[in-house]
Amino acid sequence: MRTEAECPFCEIVQRDAPDAREVYRDEHSVAFFPLEPATLGHTLLVPRNHIPDIWSLDDETASHLARVTLALSHAVRRATAPEGLNIIQSNGVAATQSVFHLHIHIVPRWPGDELGRIWPPETSYSDKQKDEVWERLRHECRKVGSE
């Protein structure tokens, strides 16, 4: 994992990345094209503060990112006329996070594009496995309102 000083997204935020194709900037966030877009119009939105993942995200920044994600999704739609759109936010190596600065992918989609399917057509979890996780998650979700 890179440190904040080595973070490529912090370089973009600080305007130290001359190759960045920036599309949006405000006092809390920056949006730009990734170096290797999954589709044309694929845009990354990052907070200006170095926040490694969603578990480190504060409510105020989360609210701002949600509003900007919606606005950028409309902008991407107007600019690229996609037939669909994925909003992807990954956390941790197991979820394919490769840059440990929280980022939201806004990915316009077309049938047969390079990204392909992102969900398996089916899974093989038993009802017992699903019920066990369901119970644990319900228990944790009951705490959400009181935190």
Protein backbone atom coordinates (compact mmCIF):
# COMPACT_ATOMS: atom_id res chain seq x y z
CA MET A 1 0.00 0.00 0.00
CA ARG A 2 1.34 3.43 -0.95
CA THR A 3 1.61 6.25 1.54
CA GLU A 4 -0.14 9.57 1.04
CA ALA A 5 3.13 11.07 -0.23
CA GLU A 6 3.33 8.37 -2.93
CA CYS A 7 -0.38 8.40 -3.85
CA PRO A 8 -0.99 9.00 -7.57
CA PHE A 9 -4.44 10.42 -6.85
CA CYS A 10 -2.97 12.91 -4.35
CA GLU A 11 -0.61 14.00 -7.15
CA ILE A 12 -3.62 14.71 -9.35
CA VAL A 13 -5.40 16.56 -6.52
CA GLN A 14 -2.25 18.67 -5.98
CA ARG A 15 -2.00 19.25 -9.77
CA ASP A 16 1.33 17.41 -9.94
CA ALA A 17 0.18 14.94 -12.60
CA PRO A 18 0.56 16.59 -16.03
CA ASP A 19 -1.01 13.61 -17.83
CA ALA A 20 -4.24 13.72 -15.83
CA ARG A 21 -7.34 14.35 -17.92
CA GLU A 22 -9.22 16.30 -15.28
CA VAL A 23 -12.92 16.97 -15.90
CA TYR A 24 -14.14 18.46 -12.60
CA ARG A 25 -12.74 20.12 -9.48
CA ASP A 26 -14.31 21.75 -6.43
CA GLU A 27 -13.13 22.48 -2.89
CA HIS A 28 -13.74 18.87 -1.75
CA SER A 29 -13.25 16.62 -4.78
CA VAL A 30 -11.62 16.11 -8.18
CA ALA A 31 -12.74 13.99 -11.14
CA PHE A 32 -10.57 12.75 -13.99
CA PHE A 33 -10.17 9.98 -16.54
CA PRO A 34 -8.14 6.95 -15.44
CA LEU A 35 -5.00 6.23 -17.48
CA GLU A 36 -6.60 3.01 -18.76
CA PRO A 37 -10.36 3.62 -18.96
CA ALA A 38 -12.64 0.59 -18.97
CA THR A 39 -14.87 2.40 -21.49
CA LEU A 40 -14.71 5.82 -23.14
CA GLY A 41 -16.01 8.36 -20.65
CA HIS A 42 -14.98 6.28 -17.59
CA THR A 43 -14.43 8.87 -14.89
CA LEU A 44 -12.90 8.65 -11.39
CA LEU A 45 -14.09 10.88 -8.57
CA VAL A 46 -11.81 11.29 -5.53
CA PRO A 47 -11.96 13.34 -2.35
CA ARG A 48 -9.23 15.98 -2.20
CA ASN A 49 -8.23 14.73 1.25
CA HIS A 50 -6.35 11.43 1.29
CA ILE A 51 -8.93 8.92 2.53
CA PRO A 52 -7.84 5.32 1.94
CA ASP A 53 -11.23 3.56 1.86
CA ILE A 54 -14.93 3.78 2.68
CA TRP A 55 -14.33 2.73 6.30
CA SER A 56 -12.26 5.91 6.78
CA LEU A 57 -14.83 8.20 5.15
CA ASP A 58 -16.67 10.84 7.22
CA ASP A 59 -20.36 11.63 6.72
CA GLU A 60 -19.82 15.13 5.31
CA THR A 61 -17.38 13.95 2.63
CA ALA A 62 -19.61 10.98 1.85
CA SER A 63 -22.59 13.29 1.29
CA HIS A 64 -20.55 15.55 -0.96
CA LEU A 65 -19.22 12.63 -3.01
CA ALA A 66 -22.75 11.24 -3.42
CA ARG A 67 -24.04 14.59 -4.76
CA VAL A 68 -21.09 14.98 -7.14
CA THR A 69 -21.39 11.35 -8.31
CA LEU A 70 -25.00 12.04 -9.29
CA ALA A 71 -24.07 15.27 -11.09
CA LEU A 72 -21.15 13.63 -12.93
CA SER A 73 -23.34 10.66 -13.89
CA HIS A 74 -25.67 13.08 -15.66
CA ALA A 75 -22.70 14.83 -17.31
CA VAL A 76 -21.28 11.48 -18.52
CA ARG A 77 -24.71 10.56 -19.88
CA ARG A 78 -25.00 13.85 -21.81
CA ALA A 79 -21.43 13.56 -23.13
CA THR A 80 -21.38 9.90 -24.14
CA ALA A 81 -25.04 8.76 -24.55
CA PRO A 82 -24.43 5.35 -22.94
CA GLU A 83 -27.02 2.58 -22.82
CA GLY A 84 -26.19 1.96 -19.15
CA LEU A 85 -23.92 3.09 -16.33
CA ASN A 86 -22.01 1.43 -13.49
CA ILE A 87 -21.07 3.23 -10.30
CA ILE A 88 -18.27 1.18 -8.70
CA GLN A 89 -16.44 1.82 -5.45
CA SER A 90 -14.01 -0.89 -4.28
CA ASN A 91 -12.31 -1.29 -0.90
CA GLY A 92 -9.35 -3.56 -0.20
CA VAL A 93 -7.22 -5.85 -2.33
CA ALA A 94 -9.89 -8.58 -2.37
CA ALA A 95 -12.29 -6.09 -3.98
CA THR A 96 -9.65 -5.11 -6.59
CA GLN A 97 -8.76 -1.74 -5.04
CA SER A 98 -5.34 -0.95 -6.49
CA VAL A 99 -4.95 2.71 -5.42
CA PHE A 100 -5.60 3.20 -1.72
CA HIS A 101 -7.18 6.62 -2.04
CA LEU A 102 -10.97 6.29 -2.01
CA HIS A 103 -12.35 6.65 -5.52
CA ILE A 104 -15.64 6.21 -7.29
CA HIS A 105 -15.76 4.86 -10.83
CA ILE A 106 -18.47 6.29 -13.07
CA VAL A 107 -18.47 3.94 -16.05
CA PRO A 108 -20.71 4.43 -19.09
CA ARG A 109 -21.75 1.10 -20.59
CA TRP A 110 -22.76 -0.31 -23.97
CA PRO A 111 -23.64 -3.85 -25.02
CA GLY A 112 -20.45 -5.77 -25.85
CA ASP A 113 -18.09 -3.16 -24.35
CA GLU A 114 -14.64 -4.11 -23.05
CA LEU A 115 -15.71 -4.26 -19.39
CA GLY A 116 -18.02 -7.24 -19.79
CA ARG A 117 -20.06 -8.74 -16.94
CA ILE A 118 -19.21 -7.66 -13.41
CA TRP A 119 -21.52 -10.12 -11.59
CA PRO A 120 -21.42 -13.91 -11.76
CA PRO A 121 -24.46 -15.44 -13.50
CA GLU A 122 -25.06 -17.59 -10.40
CA THR A 123 -23.49 -18.58 -7.09
CA SER A 124 -23.47 -21.79 -5.06
CA TYR A 125 -24.06 -20.57 -1.47
CA SER A 126 -26.21 -22.87 0.61
CA ASP A 127 -29.36 -21.61 2.33
CA LYS A 128 -27.58 -22.24 5.64
CA GLN A 129 -24.68 -19.98 4.63
CA LYS A 130 -27.03 -17.25 3.43
CA ASP A 131 -29.12 -17.47 6.63
CA GLU A 132 -26.06 -17.24 8.89
CA VAL A 133 -24.77 -14.11 7.18
CA TRP A 134 -28.30 -12.66 7.02
CA GLU A 135 -28.68 -13.03 10.80
CA ARG A 136 -25.26 -11.47 11.52
CA LEU A 137 -25.95 -8.59 9.16
CA ARG A 138 -29.43 -7.96 10.57
CA HIS A 139 -27.89 -7.86 14.05
CA GLU A 140 -25.27 -5.31 12.95
CA CYS A 141 -27.80 -3.23 11.01
CA ARG A 142 -29.94 -2.81 14.12
CA LYS A 143 -27.00 -0.86 15.59
CA VAL A 144 -26.77 1.54 12.64
CA GLY A 145 -29.34 4.04 13.86
CA SER A 146 -27.82 4.23 17.35
CA GLU A 147 -24.18 4.88 16.34
